[in-house]
Amino acid sequence: MESPWSLIRSPWRGLLVAAALILSGTAILHASGYPLLTEALREAGLARVWVGAVQGLWVMFAVHLVLIAGYLLAGALRPAIVEDR
């Protein structure tokens, strides 16, 4: 059985892991701005429909980044999932 580090030695696997980490970090940074966004939208005096729409898009963008990072990590650690054979 291969150790986790031997899986990352392959250059493309290492790049996939790096991309997953970058996307995860971006999602965390994006999600950390949510309270500031909520406060700014309330102060802007927008209609409730627009406030809810922007908040929903903000959250979905962060979730989207996490999902892509998960798929990249799964592909890096379990290449049989993504191989075309």
N, C-alpha and C. Protein backbone atom coordinates (compact mmCIF):
# COMPACT_ATOMS: atom_id res chain seq x y z
N MET A 1 0.84 -1.18 0.00
CA MET A 1 0.00 0.00 0.00
C MET A 1 0.88 1.24 0.00
N GLU A 2 0.50 2.20 -0.82
CA GLU A 2 1.28 3.42 -0.94
C GLU A 2 0.99 4.37 0.22
N SER A 3 2.02 5.06 0.64
CA SER A 3 1.81 6.08 1.67
C SER A 3 1.22 7.32 1.02
N PRO A 4 0.56 8.18 1.80
CA PRO A 4 -0.01 9.40 1.22
C PRO A 4 1.03 10.28 0.55
N TRP A 5 2.26 10.29 1.06
CA TRP A 5 3.29 11.14 0.48
C TRP A 5 3.75 10.61 -0.87
N SER A 6 3.73 9.31 -1.07
CA SER A 6 4.13 8.79 -2.37
C SER A 6 3.10 9.13 -3.43
N LEU A 7 1.87 9.33 -3.02
CA LEU A 7 0.85 9.74 -3.97
C LEU A 7 1.09 11.16 -4.48
N ILE A 8 1.64 12.00 -3.63
CA ILE A 8 1.83 13.41 -3.99
C ILE A 8 3.14 13.61 -4.76
N ARG A 9 3.99 12.62 -4.80
CA ARG A 9 5.26 12.78 -5.51
C ARG A 9 5.06 12.98 -7.00
N SER A 10 4.02 12.43 -7.56
CA SER A 10 3.73 12.64 -8.96
C SER A 10 3.40 14.11 -9.17
N PRO A 11 4.01 14.75 -10.16
CA PRO A 11 3.83 16.20 -10.32
C PRO A 11 2.36 16.62 -10.50
N TRP A 12 1.61 15.89 -11.29
CA TRP A 12 0.23 16.33 -11.50
C TRP A 12 -0.61 16.15 -10.25
N ARG A 13 -0.32 15.13 -9.45
CA ARG A 13 -1.05 14.96 -8.20
C ARG A 13 -0.72 16.09 -7.23
N GLY A 14 0.53 16.45 -7.17
CA GLY A 14 0.93 17.56 -6.31
C GLY A 14 0.28 18.86 -6.73
N LEU A 15 0.17 19.07 -8.04
CA LEU A 15 -0.49 20.28 -8.53
C LEU A 15 -1.98 20.28 -8.20
N LEU A 16 -2.61 19.11 -8.28
CA LEU A 16 -4.02 19.02 -7.92
C LEU A 16 -4.23 19.31 -6.43
N VAL A 17 -3.35 18.78 -5.60
CA VAL A 17 -3.44 19.06 -4.16
C VAL A 17 -3.22 20.54 -3.90
N ALA A 18 -2.25 21.14 -4.56
CA ALA A 18 -1.98 22.57 -4.38
C ALA A 18 -3.18 23.40 -4.82
N ALA A 19 -3.79 23.04 -5.94
CA ALA A 19 -4.97 23.76 -6.41
C ALA A 19 -6.12 23.63 -5.43
N ALA A 20 -6.28 22.44 -4.86
CA ALA A 20 -7.34 22.23 -3.87
C ALA A 20 -7.12 23.08 -2.63
N LEU A 21 -5.87 23.18 -2.20
CA LEU A 21 -5.56 24.01 -1.03
C LEU A 21 -5.80 25.49 -1.32
N ILE A 22 -5.41 25.93 -2.51
CA ILE A 22 -5.63 27.33 -2.89
C ILE A 22 -7.12 27.64 -2.94
N LEU A 23 -7.90 26.75 -3.54
CA LEU A 23 -9.34 26.97 -3.61
C LEU A 23 -9.98 26.96 -2.23
N SER A 24 -9.52 26.06 -1.37
CA SER A 24 -10.06 26.02 -0.01
C SER A 24 -9.74 27.31 0.75
N GLY A 25 -8.52 27.78 0.61
CA GLY A 25 -8.14 29.04 1.25
C GLY A 25 -8.94 30.21 0.72
N THR A 26 -9.18 30.22 -0.58
CA THR A 26 -9.98 31.28 -1.18
C THR A 26 -11.42 31.23 -0.66
N ALA A 27 -11.95 30.04 -0.52
CA ALA A 27 -13.31 29.90 0.00
C ALA A 27 -13.39 30.40 1.44
N ILE A 28 -12.38 30.10 2.24
CA ILE A 28 -12.38 30.57 3.63
C ILE A 28 -12.30 32.09 3.68
N LEU A 29 -11.43 32.67 2.88
CA LEU A 29 -11.33 34.13 2.85
C LEU A 29 -12.63 34.77 2.36
N HIS A 30 -13.23 34.16 1.35
CA HIS A 30 -14.48 34.68 0.81
C HIS A 30 -15.59 34.60 1.86
N ALA A 31 -15.69 33.47 2.53
CA ALA A 31 -16.73 33.29 3.54
C ALA A 31 -16.51 34.20 4.75
N SER A 32 -15.27 34.52 5.05
CA SER A 32 -15.00 35.38 6.20
C SER A 32 -15.50 36.81 5.98
N GLY A 33 -15.73 37.19 4.74
CA GLY A 33 -16.25 38.52 4.45
C GLY A 33 -17.76 38.61 4.50
N TYR A 34 -18.43 37.49 4.77
CA TYR A 34 -19.89 37.48 4.77
C TYR A 34 -20.50 38.44 5.80
N PRO A 35 -20.02 38.48 7.04
CA PRO A 35 -20.61 39.43 7.99
C PRO A 35 -20.47 40.89 7.54
N LEU A 36 -19.33 41.22 6.95
CA LEU A 36 -19.14 42.59 6.45
C LEU A 36 -20.09 42.88 5.30
N LEU A 37 -20.29 41.89 4.45
CA LEU A 37 -21.22 42.05 3.33
C LEU A 37 -22.63 42.28 3.84
N THR A 38 -23.05 41.50 4.81
CA THR A 38 -24.40 41.63 5.35
C THR A 38 -24.62 43.02 5.94
N GLU A 39 -23.63 43.49 6.67
CA GLU A 39 -23.74 44.83 7.26
C GLU A 39 -23.79 45.91 6.18
N ALA A 40 -22.95 45.79 5.17
CA ALA A 40 -22.93 46.78 4.10
C ALA A 40 -24.23 46.78 3.31
N LEU A 41 -24.81 45.62 3.08
CA LEU A 41 -26.07 45.56 2.34
C LEU A 41 -27.20 46.18 3.14
N ARG A 42 -27.21 45.96 4.44
CA ARG A 42 -28.26 46.56 5.27
C ARG A 42 -28.14 48.08 5.29
N GLU A 43 -26.91 48.58 5.34
CA GLU A 43 -26.69 50.03 5.35
C GLU A 43 -26.99 50.66 4.00
N ALA A 44 -26.91 49.89 2.93
CA ALA A 44 -27.14 50.42 1.59
C ALA A 44 -28.61 50.71 1.33
N GLY A 45 -29.49 50.10 2.10
CA GLY A 45 -30.91 50.36 1.94
C GLY A 45 -31.52 49.69 0.71
N LEU A 46 -30.96 48.57 0.30
CA LEU A 46 -31.51 47.85 -0.84
C LEU A 46 -32.79 47.12 -0.44
N ALA A 47 -33.55 46.76 -1.46
CA ALA A 47 -34.76 45.97 -1.21
C ALA A 47 -34.35 44.61 -0.66
N ARG A 48 -35.23 44.01 0.15
CA ARG A 48 -34.91 42.72 0.78
C ARG A 48 -34.61 41.64 -0.25
N VAL A 49 -35.27 41.72 -1.39
CA VAL A 49 -35.04 40.72 -2.44
C VAL A 49 -33.59 40.76 -2.89
N TRP A 50 -33.06 41.94 -3.09
CA TRP A 50 -31.67 42.06 -3.56
C TRP A 50 -30.68 41.68 -2.47
N VAL A 51 -30.99 42.02 -1.25
CA VAL A 51 -30.11 41.65 -0.14
C VAL A 51 -30.01 40.13 -0.04
N GLY A 52 -31.14 39.45 -0.09
CA GLY A 52 -31.15 37.99 -0.04
C GLY A 52 -30.45 37.36 -1.23
N ALA A 53 -30.63 37.95 -2.40
CA ALA A 53 -29.99 37.41 -3.61
C ALA A 53 -28.47 37.52 -3.53
N VAL A 54 -27.99 38.66 -3.11
CA VAL A 54 -26.53 38.85 -3.02
C VAL A 54 -25.94 37.95 -1.93
N GLN A 55 -26.64 37.84 -0.81
CA GLN A 55 -26.15 36.97 0.26
C GLN A 55 -26.11 35.52 -0.21
N GLY A 56 -27.14 35.09 -0.91
CA GLY A 56 -27.18 33.72 -1.42
C GLY A 56 -26.06 33.45 -2.41
N LEU A 57 -25.83 34.39 -3.31
CA LEU A 57 -24.73 34.23 -4.28
C LEU A 57 -23.38 34.19 -3.58
N TRP A 58 -23.23 35.00 -2.55
CA TRP A 58 -21.97 35.04 -1.80
C TRP A 58 -21.68 33.68 -1.17
N VAL A 59 -22.68 33.09 -0.54
CA VAL A 59 -22.51 31.79 0.10
C VAL A 59 -22.28 30.70 -0.95
N MET A 60 -23.06 30.73 -2.02
CA MET A 60 -22.93 29.70 -3.05
C MET A 60 -21.56 29.74 -3.73
N PHE A 61 -20.98 30.91 -3.87
CA PHE A 61 -19.64 30.99 -4.45
C PHE A 61 -18.63 30.27 -3.57
N ALA A 62 -18.71 30.49 -2.26
CA ALA A 62 -17.79 29.82 -1.34
C ALA A 62 -18.02 28.30 -1.35
N VAL A 63 -19.27 27.88 -1.37
CA VAL A 63 -19.58 26.44 -1.42
C VAL A 63 -19.07 25.84 -2.71
N HIS A 64 -19.21 26.56 -3.80
CA HIS A 64 -18.74 26.11 -5.10
C HIS A 64 -17.22 25.87 -5.08
N LEU A 65 -16.50 26.78 -4.47
CA LEU A 65 -15.04 26.62 -4.37
C LEU A 65 -14.67 25.39 -3.55
N VAL A 66 -15.39 25.15 -2.47
CA VAL A 66 -15.12 23.99 -1.62
C VAL A 66 -15.42 22.69 -2.38
N LEU A 67 -16.50 22.67 -3.14
CA LEU A 67 -16.83 21.47 -3.92
C LEU A 67 -15.76 21.17 -4.97
N ILE A 68 -15.33 22.19 -5.67
CA ILE A 68 -14.27 21.98 -6.68
C ILE A 68 -12.99 21.50 -6.01
N ALA A 69 -12.65 22.09 -4.86
CA ALA A 69 -11.46 21.66 -4.13
C ALA A 69 -11.57 20.20 -3.71
N GLY A 70 -12.75 19.79 -3.29
CA GLY A 70 -12.96 18.40 -2.91
C GLY A 70 -12.78 17.45 -4.08
N TYR A 71 -13.31 17.83 -5.23
CA TYR A 71 -13.15 16.98 -6.42
C TYR A 71 -11.68 16.89 -6.83
N LEU A 72 -10.96 18.00 -6.75
CA LEU A 72 -9.54 17.98 -7.10
C LEU A 72 -8.76 17.10 -6.12
N LEU A 73 -9.06 17.22 -4.86
CA LEU A 73 -8.37 16.41 -3.85
C LEU A 73 -8.69 14.93 -4.03
N ALA A 74 -9.93 14.62 -4.33
CA ALA A 74 -10.30 13.22 -4.58
C ALA A 74 -9.57 12.69 -5.81
N GLY A 75 -9.46 13.50 -6.83
CA GLY A 75 -8.74 13.08 -8.04
C GLY A 75 -7.26 12.89 -7.80
N ALA A 76 -6.70 13.70 -6.91
CA ALA A 76 -5.27 13.58 -6.62
C ALA A 76 -4.97 12.35 -5.75
N LEU A 77 -5.83 12.09 -4.80
CA LEU A 77 -5.57 10.99 -3.86
C LEU A 77 -6.10 9.65 -4.35
N ARG A 78 -7.10 9.66 -5.19
CA ARG A 78 -7.67 8.43 -5.75
C ARG A 78 -7.77 8.57 -7.26
N PRO A 79 -6.67 8.45 -7.98
CA PRO A 79 -6.68 8.68 -9.42
C PRO A 79 -7.57 7.71 -10.19
N ALA A 80 -7.89 6.56 -9.60
CA ALA A 80 -8.76 5.61 -10.30
C ALA A 80 -10.15 6.20 -10.53
N ILE A 81 -10.54 7.17 -9.72
CA ILE A 81 -11.84 7.82 -9.87
C ILE A 81 -11.91 8.58 -11.18
N VAL A 82 -10.80 9.21 -11.57
CA VAL A 82 -10.83 10.10 -12.72
C VAL A 82 -10.15 9.54 -13.96
N GLU A 83 -9.56 8.35 -13.86
CA GLU A 83 -8.89 7.78 -15.03
C GLU A 83 -9.91 7.33 -16.05
N ASP A 84 -9.53 7.48 -17.29
CA ASP A 84 -10.38 7.06 -18.40
C ASP A 84 -9.81 5.80 -19.01
N ARG A 85 -10.23 4.67 -18.48
CA ARG A 85 -9.74 3.38 -18.99
C ARG A 85 -10.87 2.48 -19.33
